[in-house]
Amino acid sequence: MHLLGGTLIFLGLLTRLWALLQLPIVFGAVFFVNILSPYMNAELWLSVLVLALLFLFVIIGSGPLSVDHYLAGIRMDKKKKL
């Protein structure tokens, strides 16, 4: 799920959906796996960064260089022609 979701988020295809599906997994990694270690490790900070970026993708969505944006432009062109 991480491999497929990460690839689709990178491409900007259904970004909000896949970021939302990744959130529980990363949330579990931050609060149930990494937080239990007795010292602050690099994995915790990386997991917190990924969690914050996933929240950002859920809120903002994909950008102008995404497949979603490209497909939305094609749909708008087809509606204008009709």
C-alpha atoms as a PDB file:
ATOM      1  CA  MET A   1       0.000   0.000   0.000  1.00  0.00           C
ATOM      2  CA  HIS A   2       2.867   2.389   0.752  1.00  0.00           C
ATOM      3  CA  LEU A   3       4.540   1.705  -2.566  1.00  0.00           C
ATOM      4  CA  LEU A   4       1.394   2.263  -4.626  1.00  0.00           C
ATOM      5  CA  GLY A   5       0.228   5.211  -2.534  1.00  0.00           C
ATOM      6  CA  GLY A   6       3.632   6.882  -2.565  1.00  0.00           C
ATOM      7  CA  THR A   7       3.914   6.493  -6.321  1.00  0.00           C
ATOM      8  CA  LEU A   8       0.463   7.935  -6.946  1.00  0.00           C
ATOM      9  CA  ILE A   9       1.083  10.824  -4.541  1.00  0.00           C
ATOM     10  CA  PHE A  10       4.367  11.524  -6.353  1.00  0.00           C
ATOM     11  CA  LEU A  11       2.593  11.545  -9.717  1.00  0.00           C
ATOM     12  CA  GLY A  12      -0.304  13.591  -8.372  1.00  0.00           C
ATOM     13  CA  LEU A  13      -2.984  11.072  -9.236  1.00  0.00           C
ATOM     14  CA  LEU A  14      -5.823  10.922  -6.672  1.00  0.00           C
ATOM     15  CA  THR A  15      -3.494  12.648  -4.233  1.00  0.00           C
ATOM     16  CA  ARG A  16      -5.996  13.442  -1.488  1.00  0.00           C
ATOM     17  CA  LEU A  17      -7.410   9.929  -1.443  1.00  0.00           C
ATOM     18  CA  TRP A  18      -4.040   8.207  -1.240  1.00  0.00           C
ATOM     19  CA  ALA A  19      -2.693  10.647   1.331  1.00  0.00           C
ATOM     20  CA  LEU A  20      -5.775   9.985   3.443  1.00  0.00           C
ATOM     21  CA  LEU A  21      -5.233   6.222   3.142  1.00  0.00           C
ATOM     22  CA  GLN A  22      -1.588   6.606   4.220  1.00  0.00           C
ATOM     23  CA  LEU A  23      -2.405   8.677   7.326  1.00  0.00           C
ATOM     24  CA  PRO A  24      -3.399   5.834   9.725  1.00  0.00           C
ATOM     25  CA  ILE A  25      -0.263   3.852   8.908  1.00  0.00           C
ATOM     26  CA  VAL A  26       2.100   6.778   9.465  1.00  0.00           C
ATOM     27  CA  PHE A  27       0.125   7.906  12.524  1.00  0.00           C
ATOM     28  CA  GLY A  28       0.670   4.439  13.994  1.00  0.00           C
ATOM     29  CA  ALA A  29       4.361   4.618  13.161  1.00  0.00           C
ATOM     30  CA  VAL A  30       4.728   7.936  14.954  1.00  0.00           C
ATOM     31  CA  PHE A  31       2.626   7.339  18.054  1.00  0.00           C
ATOM     32  CA  PHE A  32       2.877   3.586  18.635  1.00  0.00           C
ATOM     33  CA  VAL A  33       6.279   2.552  17.302  1.00  0.00           C
ATOM     34  CA  ASN A  34       8.730   5.452  17.343  1.00  0.00           C
ATOM     35  CA  ILE A  35       7.448   7.323  20.384  1.00  0.00           C
ATOM     36  CA  LEU A  36       8.085   4.331  22.647  1.00  0.00           C
ATOM     37  CA  SER A  37      11.843   4.392  22.114  1.00  0.00           C
ATOM     38  CA  PRO A  38      13.699   5.800  25.144  1.00  0.00           C
ATOM     39  CA  TYR A  39      15.711   8.304  23.101  1.00  0.00           C
ATOM     40  CA  MET A  40      14.891  10.578  20.181  1.00  0.00           C
ATOM     41  CA  ASN A  41      15.865   8.842  17.001  1.00  0.00           C
ATOM     42  CA  ALA A  42      15.980   9.899  13.362  1.00  0.00           C
ATOM     43  CA  GLU A  43      13.096   7.592  12.468  1.00  0.00           C
ATOM     44  CA  LEU A  44      10.760   9.551  14.729  1.00  0.00           C
ATOM     45  CA  TRP A  45      11.560  12.859  13.045  1.00  0.00           C
ATOM     46  CA  LEU A  46      11.235  11.348   9.587  1.00  0.00           C
ATOM     47  CA  SER A  47       7.853   9.846  10.506  1.00  0.00           C
ATOM     48  CA  VAL A  48       6.666  13.182  11.923  1.00  0.00           C
ATOM     49  CA  LEU A  49       7.771  14.946   8.727  1.00  0.00           C
ATOM     50  CA  VAL A  50       5.945  12.416   6.535  1.00  0.00           C
ATOM     51  CA  LEU A  51       2.827  12.727   8.710  1.00  0.00           C
ATOM     52  CA  ALA A  52       2.879  16.526   8.373  1.00  0.00           C
ATOM     53  CA  LEU A  53       3.344  16.302   4.601  1.00  0.00           C
ATOM     54  CA  LEU A  54       0.462  13.845   4.297  1.00  0.00           C
ATOM     55  CA  PHE A  55      -1.794  16.273   6.188  1.00  0.00           C
ATOM     56  CA  LEU A  56      -0.622  18.987   3.800  1.00  0.00           C
ATOM     57  CA  PHE A  57      -1.516  16.860   0.763  1.00  0.00           C
ATOM     58  CA  VAL A  58      -4.937  16.044   2.225  1.00  0.00           C
ATOM     59  CA  ILE A  59      -5.690  19.733   2.810  1.00  0.00           C
ATOM     60  CA  ILE A  60      -4.128  21.296  -0.304  1.00  0.00           C
ATOM     61  CA  GLY A  61      -4.301  18.404  -2.754  1.00  0.00           C
ATOM     62  CA  SER A  62      -2.192  18.062  -5.859  1.00  0.00           C
ATOM     63  CA  GLY A  63      -0.457  20.976  -7.522  1.00  0.00           C
ATOM     64  CA  PRO A  64      -0.306  22.340 -11.054  1.00  0.00           C
ATOM     65  CA  LEU A  65       2.323  19.806 -12.187  1.00  0.00           C
ATOM     66  CA  SER A  66       0.185  16.788 -11.312  1.00  0.00           C
ATOM     67  CA  VAL A  67      -1.660  14.223 -13.391  1.00  0.00           C
ATOM     68  CA  ASP A  68      -4.925  15.323 -11.730  1.00  0.00           C
ATOM     69  CA  HIS A  69      -4.393  18.892 -12.940  1.00  0.00           C
ATOM     70  CA  TYR A  70      -3.590  17.655 -16.453  1.00  0.00           C
ATOM     71  CA  LEU A  71      -6.680  15.443 -16.581  1.00  0.00           C
ATOM     72  CA  ALA A  72      -8.883  18.258 -15.274  1.00  0.00           C
ATOM     73  CA  GLY A  73      -7.615  20.448 -18.117  1.00  0.00           C
ATOM     74  CA  ILE A  74      -8.488  17.775 -20.674  1.00  0.00           C
ATOM     75  CA  ARG A  75     -11.999  17.460 -19.228  1.00  0.00           C
ATOM     76  CA  MET A  76     -12.498  21.233 -19.382  1.00  0.00           C
ATOM     77  CA  ASP A  77     -11.332  21.287 -23.032  1.00  0.00           C
ATOM     78  CA  LYS A  78     -13.828  18.572 -23.937  1.00  0.00           C
ATOM     79  CA  LYS A  79     -16.684  20.468 -22.253  1.00  0.00           C
ATOM     80  CA  LYS A  80     -15.777  23.649 -24.116  1.00  0.00           C
ATOM     81  CA  LYS A  81     -15.885  21.814 -27.458  1.00  0.00           C
ATOM     82  CA  LEU A  82     -19.371  20.472 -26.781  1.00  0.00           C
END
